Amino acid sequence: MPSFSTPRVASRSSDDHVCSAPTSDVVAAGALPWRLGADGLEVMLVHRPRYDDWSWPKGKLDAGETLPECAVREVNEEVGLAVTLGRPLAVTQYTLPARIGKDGGRSKEVWYWAADATGLTARPDGDEVDEVLWTTPDHARRTLSMASDVAPLDALVRAYEQQQLRTVPLLVLRHAKAKPRSSWSRAEEDRPLAATGRRQALAVARLTAVWRPEHLVSSPWRRCVETLSPLVKATGLALKYKQALTEAGAKKDSRKTRRVMRKLLDRRHPLLVCSHRPVLPLLFQEVARRAEDDAALRVLPDAEPFLRPGGVLVVHQGLDAGRRVVAVEVYDPAER
């Protein structure tokens, strides 16, 4: 079994399928850059001189890197696009040919996301990629060198045809691991993160930055604030506090907590919500009400502990689909 970076993907919905954690010897990630041209949907292929083939921007994970982080980095390194990941697409799996060297004969899988590249200019790095091609999906399907690369394209086209390609992410974060209640004698709202939790918070900041949240909404309790502290420091974003997201607030008036979540789901900008385990069911119930298909519902946690400390749920809402939830991703926390 391969060695995975943490936090890692626990599950995600892609089109009408559910994908679980990677199982192949070699794991990679990439994205399908897309834009709307005069004649409709266009996608960007890349030419790799090393293999003389046409493919998608992608690459293997670096040490300590998650799949989404890898996808964003590879697109930036290979073609100079600073993309934000959209909805997840298909995962391709195949056996590497013997001619490529040490990885020959091993199984490989590549996890893909859609990436809106509207207004961005591609600049091939000249090494891994020497040419890019913006083209129609039909021409891309005929041009791709590997048959397995068609699956994420088909998923992207289906999303476009169903008006579910343009999405906005909402991230739900359970605060990182805190000091045990049994060893804390002061006010519950002042209970801080444990050492493991502080390390998790750093990993959370790296992972969640992939979706470029523009607003951070949180319980004002200390363990939530400390979980978001590295992200606040990295982005300069301000924290907006909601008492309804605290354990006490949700217990006192669960309807208010659900109203807060409904309003957040109505926003048209990427945002992140940080709260506590007992509050998560209320938040997820509001997400479930807007789920577009069974795949998203199957990925949405529906039992204790919903998310582990430091876990992240990524909700993709369709901007052209009545703000329905069209895909869901769940990421387990960092363990070290």
Protein backbone atom coordinates (compact mmCIF):
# COMPACT_ATOMS: atom_id res chain seq x y z
CA MET A 1 0.00 0.00 0.00
CA PRO A 2 1.21 3.53 -0.71
CA SER A 3 2.05 6.01 2.00
CA PHE A 4 -0.51 8.83 2.07
CA SER A 5 -0.20 12.43 3.07
CA THR A 6 -2.54 13.69 5.75
CA PRO A 7 -5.17 15.00 5.88
CA ARG A 8 -6.36 12.68 3.14
CA VAL A 9 -9.60 12.29 1.26
CA ALA A 10 -12.03 10.03 3.08
CA SER A 11 -14.74 10.09 0.41
CA ARG A 12 -16.24 12.30 -2.26
CA SER A 13 -19.05 12.34 -4.77
CA SER A 14 -18.10 12.64 -8.42
CA ASP A 15 -20.91 12.85 -10.96
CA ASP A 16 -23.21 10.06 -9.74
CA HIS A 17 -20.44 8.03 -8.13
CA VAL A 18 -18.79 7.87 -4.72
CA CYS A 19 -15.00 7.61 -4.49
CA SER A 20 -13.18 6.48 -1.36
CA ALA A 21 -9.54 6.87 -0.32
CA PRO A 22 -6.82 6.04 -2.90
CA THR A 23 -5.65 2.41 -3.13
CA SER A 24 -3.08 2.38 -5.97
CA ASP A 25 0.70 2.19 -5.72
CA VAL A 26 1.16 5.61 -7.34
CA VAL A 27 -1.24 8.45 -6.55
CA ALA A 28 -1.46 11.70 -8.52
CA ALA A 29 -3.82 14.63 -8.91
CA GLY A 30 -4.71 17.13 -11.57
CA ALA A 31 -7.39 19.36 -13.00
CA LEU A 32 -9.30 20.03 -16.20
CA PRO A 33 -9.08 23.78 -16.89
CA TRP A 34 -12.20 25.01 -18.67
CA ARG A 35 -13.71 28.23 -19.95
CA LEU A 36 -16.69 29.38 -21.98
CA GLY A 37 -15.76 30.55 -25.48
CA ALA A 38 -17.80 32.00 -28.31
CA ASP A 39 -18.95 28.51 -29.32
CA GLY A 40 -19.50 27.15 -25.82
CA LEU A 41 -17.40 25.00 -23.51
CA GLU A 42 -13.65 24.77 -24.11
CA VAL A 43 -11.08 22.67 -22.26
CA MET A 44 -7.30 22.90 -22.10
CA LEU A 45 -5.06 19.99 -23.04
CA VAL A 46 -1.31 19.95 -22.42
CA HIS A 47 1.42 18.38 -24.54
CA ARG A 48 4.15 16.58 -22.62
CA PRO A 49 7.37 16.38 -24.68
CA ARG A 50 8.79 13.61 -22.50
CA TYR A 51 6.02 11.26 -23.59
CA ASP A 52 4.94 13.11 -26.77
CA ASP A 53 1.32 12.87 -25.67
CA TRP A 54 -1.72 15.06 -24.95
CA SER A 55 -3.15 14.92 -21.49
CA TRP A 56 -4.39 17.05 -18.56
CA PRO A 57 -2.18 18.99 -16.13
CA LYS A 58 -1.36 16.52 -13.36
CA GLY A 59 1.43 15.06 -11.24
CA LYS A 60 2.38 12.93 -8.27
CA LEU A 61 2.01 14.08 -4.68
CA ASP A 62 4.92 15.70 -2.91
CA ALA A 63 5.76 14.59 0.62
CA GLY A 64 3.20 15.86 3.12
CA GLU A 65 0.84 17.04 0.39
CA THR A 66 -2.87 16.34 -0.03
CA LEU A 67 -4.58 15.51 -3.31
CA PRO A 68 -6.24 18.95 -3.73
CA GLU A 69 -3.00 20.75 -2.88
CA CYS A 70 -1.19 18.61 -5.46
CA ALA A 71 -3.77 19.36 -8.17
CA VAL A 72 -3.49 23.13 -7.67
CA ARG A 73 0.32 23.05 -7.51
CA GLU A 74 0.69 20.93 -10.65
CA VAL A 75 -1.57 23.17 -12.74
CA ASN A 76 0.39 26.20 -11.58
CA GLU A 77 3.80 24.63 -12.17
CA GLU A 78 3.02 23.12 -15.57
CA VAL A 79 0.98 25.90 -17.20
CA GLY A 80 1.15 28.88 -14.84
CA LEU A 81 -2.55 28.94 -13.95
CA ALA A 82 -3.46 29.87 -10.37
CA VAL A 83 -6.76 27.99 -10.33
CA THR A 84 -9.32 27.36 -7.65
CA LEU A 85 -10.64 23.81 -7.63
CA GLY A 86 -14.26 23.31 -8.62
CA ARG A 87 -16.35 20.16 -8.40
CA PRO A 88 -14.55 16.81 -8.31
CA LEU A 89 -14.47 14.75 -11.50
CA ALA A 90 -13.63 11.13 -12.25
CA VAL A 91 -10.67 9.20 -10.82
CA THR A 92 -8.67 7.37 -13.48
CA GLN A 93 -6.86 4.08 -12.77
CA TYR A 94 -4.38 2.23 -14.98
CA THR A 95 -1.13 0.24 -14.95
CA LEU A 96 2.02 2.15 -15.77
CA PRO A 97 3.97 0.82 -18.78
CA ALA A 98 7.23 -1.00 -18.11
CA ARG A 99 9.20 1.43 -20.31
CA ILE A 100 8.87 4.36 -17.89
CA GLY A 101 11.38 3.02 -15.36
CA LYS A 102 11.04 2.32 -11.63
CA ASP A 103 7.25 2.83 -11.59
CA GLY A 104 6.69 0.55 -14.58
CA GLY A 105 4.11 -2.16 -13.91
CA ARG A 106 2.70 -0.42 -10.84
CA SER A 107 -0.92 0.67 -10.52
CA LYS A 108 -1.63 4.39 -10.71
CA GLU A 109 -4.66 6.54 -10.09
CA VAL A 110 -5.19 10.22 -10.80
CA TRP A 111 -7.80 12.30 -8.97
CA TYR A 112 -9.24 15.16 -11.03
CA TRP A 113 -11.18 18.36 -10.38
CA ALA A 114 -12.77 20.90 -12.68
CA ALA A 115 -10.99 24.28 -12.68
CA ASP A 116 -12.54 27.45 -14.07
CA ALA A 117 -9.75 29.16 -16.02
CA THR A 118 -11.84 32.06 -17.35
CA GLY A 119 -9.64 35.13 -17.80
CA LEU A 120 -6.41 33.27 -17.03
CA THR A 121 -3.48 32.96 -19.44
CA ALA A 122 -1.58 29.67 -19.68
CA ARG A 123 2.21 29.78 -19.76
CA PRO A 124 3.75 26.30 -20.28
CA ASP A 125 6.83 25.66 -18.20
CA GLY A 126 8.69 24.38 -21.29
CA ASP A 127 9.94 21.31 -19.44
CA GLU A 128 7.05 19.07 -18.46
CA VAL A 129 4.68 20.91 -20.80
CA ASP A 130 5.73 22.64 -24.02
CA GLU A 131 2.33 23.42 -25.56
CA VAL A 132 -1.28 23.94 -24.52
CA LEU A 133 -4.39 23.57 -26.63
CA TRP A 134 -7.77 25.15 -25.93
CA THR A 135 -10.36 23.17 -27.80
CA THR A 136 -13.89 21.78 -27.80
CA PRO A 137 -14.71 18.68 -25.75
CA ASP A 138 -15.29 16.63 -28.94
CA HIS A 139 -11.88 17.54 -30.35
CA ALA A 140 -10.26 16.96 -26.97
CA ARG A 141 -11.79 13.48 -26.81
CA ARG A 142 -10.18 12.64 -30.18
CA THR A 143 -6.85 14.24 -29.23
CA LEU A 144 -6.21 12.71 -25.81
CA SER A 145 -3.49 10.08 -26.00
CA MET A 146 -4.72 7.88 -23.15
CA ALA A 147 -8.20 6.36 -23.26
CA SER A 148 -8.48 6.65 -19.46
CA ASP A 149 -8.21 10.46 -19.70
CA VAL A 150 -11.63 10.60 -21.36
CA ALA A 151 -13.51 9.76 -18.13
CA PRO A 152 -12.91 13.10 -16.35
CA LEU A 153 -13.74 14.92 -19.60
CA ASP A 154 -17.05 13.09 -19.85
CA ALA A 155 -17.83 14.01 -16.24
CA LEU A 156 -17.05 17.66 -16.91
CA VAL A 157 -19.23 17.72 -20.04
CA ARG A 158 -22.14 16.11 -18.17
CA ALA A 159 -21.85 18.74 -15.45
CA TYR A 160 -21.86 21.47 -18.09
CA GLU A 161 -24.90 20.04 -19.87
CA GLN A 162 -26.76 19.77 -16.55
CA GLN A 163 -25.78 23.37 -15.64
CA GLN A 164 -23.77 22.09 -12.68
CA LEU A 165 -20.26 23.04 -13.75
CA ARG A 166 -20.03 26.53 -12.24
CA THR A 167 -19.88 25.98 -8.51
CA VAL A 168 -19.05 27.79 -5.28
CA PRO A 169 -17.52 25.94 -2.31
CA LEU A 170 -18.63 26.06 1.30
CA LEU A 171 -16.26 24.36 3.76
CA VAL A 172 -17.41 23.00 7.10
CA LEU A 173 -14.57 22.43 9.56
CA ARG A 174 -14.68 20.67 12.89
CA HIS A 175 -12.15 22.32 15.17
CA ALA A 176 -8.88 20.48 15.65
CA LYS A 177 -8.13 18.22 18.59
CA ALA A 178 -8.59 20.07 21.88
CA LYS A 179 -7.39 19.31 25.38
CA PRO A 180 -9.65 16.69 27.01
CA ARG A 181 -12.68 17.99 28.88
CA SER A 182 -11.69 15.79 31.82
CA SER A 183 -8.40 17.66 32.27
CA TRP A 184 -9.86 21.16 31.92
CA SER A 185 -11.39 22.79 34.99
CA ARG A 186 -12.05 26.27 33.66
CA ALA A 187 -14.78 27.61 31.36
CA GLU A 188 -15.62 25.28 28.47
CA GLU A 189 -15.44 28.09 25.92
CA ASP A 190 -11.81 28.69 26.93
CA ARG A 191 -10.62 25.09 26.42
CA PRO A 192 -7.64 25.30 24.01
CA LEU A 193 -6.19 22.99 21.38
CA ALA A 194 -3.89 20.15 22.33
CA ALA A 195 -0.42 19.95 20.77
CA THR A 196 -1.79 17.56 18.13
CA GLY A 197 -4.56 20.05 17.41
CA ARG A 198 -2.10 22.86 16.80
CA ARG A 199 -0.31 20.69 14.25
CA GLN A 200 -3.64 19.80 12.67
CA ALA A 201 -4.48 23.49 12.37
CA LEU A 202 -1.42 24.04 10.19
CA ALA A 203 -2.48 21.22 7.87
CA VAL A 204 -6.03 22.55 7.80
CA ALA A 205 -4.78 25.96 6.67
CA ARG A 206 -2.86 24.44 3.76
CA LEU A 207 -5.75 22.25 2.66
CA THR A 208 -8.59 24.77 2.94
CA ALA A 209 -6.59 27.48 1.15
CA VAL A 210 -7.02 25.40 -2.02
CA TRP A 211 -10.64 26.59 -2.27
CA ARG A 212 -9.68 30.22 -1.53
CA PRO A 213 -12.38 31.04 1.03
CA GLU A 214 -13.26 34.73 1.05
CA HIS A 215 -15.10 34.69 4.37
CA LEU A 216 -14.41 32.83 7.63
CA VAL A 217 -17.33 32.24 10.02
CA SER A 218 -16.71 30.56 13.34
CA SER A 219 -17.82 29.76 16.82
CA PRO A 220 -16.03 32.26 19.09
CA TRP A 221 -14.89 29.50 21.44
CA ARG A 222 -11.14 29.29 21.82
CA ARG A 223 -10.55 25.90 20.18
CA CYS A 224 -12.28 27.05 16.97
CA VAL A 225 -10.40 30.35 16.91
CA GLU A 226 -7.07 28.57 17.42
CA THR A 227 -7.90 26.09 14.65
CA LEU A 228 -8.39 28.95 12.19
CA SER A 229 -5.46 31.02 13.41
CA PRO A 230 -2.92 29.72 10.82
CA LEU A 231 -5.39 30.32 7.99
CA VAL A 232 -6.14 33.83 9.24
CA LYS A 233 -2.42 34.54 9.43
CA ALA A 234 -1.80 33.20 5.91
CA THR A 235 -4.71 34.96 4.21
CA GLY A 236 -5.31 38.08 6.27
CA LEU A 237 -9.03 37.26 6.37
CA ALA A 238 -11.05 38.41 9.37
CA LEU A 239 -13.03 36.00 11.53
CA LYS A 240 -16.74 36.59 11.91
CA TYR A 241 -18.14 35.03 15.07
CA LYS A 242 -21.57 33.43 15.46
CA GLN A 243 -22.77 32.39 18.92
CA ALA A 244 -25.24 30.06 17.21
CA LEU A 245 -22.27 27.93 16.10
CA THR A 246 -21.17 27.25 19.70
CA GLU A 247 -22.26 24.12 21.55
CA ALA A 248 -24.21 26.22 24.02
CA GLY A 249 -25.85 28.31 21.31
CA ALA A 250 -26.97 25.28 19.32
CA LYS A 251 -28.33 23.61 22.45
CA LYS A 252 -30.25 26.74 23.43
CA ASP A 253 -31.80 27.41 20.02
CA SER A 254 -31.11 24.85 17.29
CA ARG A 255 -33.46 26.65 14.92
CA LYS A 256 -31.24 29.72 15.00
CA THR A 257 -28.19 27.59 14.25
CA ARG A 258 -29.96 26.12 11.22
CA ARG A 259 -31.01 29.59 10.07
CA VAL A 260 -27.39 30.73 10.22
CA MET A 261 -26.36 27.79 8.06
CA ARG A 262 -29.14 28.43 5.55
CA LYS A 263 -28.00 32.02 5.16
CA LEU A 264 -24.41 30.89 4.64
CA LEU A 265 -25.52 28.44 1.96
CA ASP A 266 -27.24 31.34 0.21
CA ARG A 267 -23.98 33.24 -0.18
CA ARG A 268 -22.35 33.31 -3.62
CA HIS A 269 -18.77 33.50 -2.39
CA PRO A 270 -16.42 30.76 -1.12
CA LEU A 271 -16.54 30.57 2.66
CA LEU A 272 -15.52 28.40 5.58
CA VAL A 273 -17.52 27.58 8.72
CA CYS A 274 -15.82 26.25 11.86
CA SER A 275 -17.83 24.65 14.64
CA HIS A 276 -18.10 21.77 17.14
CA ARG A 277 -19.08 18.09 16.90
CA PRO A 278 -22.51 18.51 18.58
CA VAL A 279 -23.37 21.30 16.12
CA LEU A 280 -22.41 19.44 12.95
CA PRO A 281 -25.68 17.46 12.56
CA LEU A 282 -27.65 20.70 12.39
CA LEU A 283 -25.32 22.11 9.73
CA PHE A 284 -25.34 18.91 7.69
CA GLN A 285 -29.13 18.70 7.78
CA GLU A 286 -29.26 22.01 5.96
CA VAL A 287 -26.71 20.76 3.42
CA ALA A 288 -28.77 17.59 2.88
CA ARG A 289 -31.87 19.65 2.13
CA ARG A 290 -30.06 21.11 -0.86
CA ALA A 291 -28.38 17.95 -2.15
CA GLU A 292 -28.86 17.41 -5.88
CA ASP A 293 -28.35 13.64 -6.03
CA ASP A 294 -27.94 10.47 -3.99
CA ALA A 295 -24.16 10.42 -4.41
CA ALA A 296 -23.75 13.68 -2.52
CA LEU A 297 -26.08 12.43 0.21
CA ARG A 298 -24.11 9.19 0.56
CA VAL A 299 -20.90 11.13 1.15
CA LEU A 300 -22.48 13.55 3.63
CA PRO A 301 -21.70 12.24 7.17
CA ASP A 302 -24.86 11.16 8.99
CA ALA A 303 -23.56 9.51 12.18
CA GLU A 304 -21.20 10.21 15.06
CA PRO A 305 -18.64 11.67 15.04
CA PHE A 306 -19.72 13.24 11.69
CA LEU A 307 -16.22 14.66 11.26
CA ARG A 308 -13.16 13.79 13.27
CA PRO A 309 -11.34 16.69 14.99
CA GLY A 310 -9.68 18.70 12.23
CA GLY A 311 -11.84 17.09 9.53
CA VAL A 312 -13.16 19.12 6.61
CA LEU A 313 -16.34 18.81 4.56
CA VAL A 314 -16.34 20.58 1.17
CA VAL A 315 -19.79 21.36 -0.23
CA HIS A 316 -20.03 22.35 -3.91
CA GLN A 317 -23.14 24.33 -4.82
CA GLY A 318 -24.17 24.84 -8.42
CA LEU A 319 -24.40 28.54 -9.29
CA ASP A 320 -26.60 27.72 -12.28
CA ALA A 321 -28.51 24.93 -10.52
CA GLY A 322 -30.58 26.88 -8.02
CA ARG A 323 -27.76 26.69 -5.42
CA ARG A 324 -28.30 22.94 -5.14
CA VAL A 325 -25.46 20.87 -3.66
CA VAL A 326 -23.98 18.99 -6.62
CA ALA A 327 -20.92 17.37 -4.99
CA VAL A 328 -19.45 16.74 -1.54
CA GLU A 329 -15.92 15.90 -0.38
CA VAL A 330 -14.77 14.76 3.07
CA TYR A 331 -11.18 15.02 4.30
CA ASP A 332 -9.85 13.26 7.37
CA PRO A 333 -7.62 15.24 9.76
CA ALA A 334 -3.88 15.26 9.86
CA GLU A 335 -2.58 12.70 12.34
CA ARG A 336 0.79 14.16 13.16
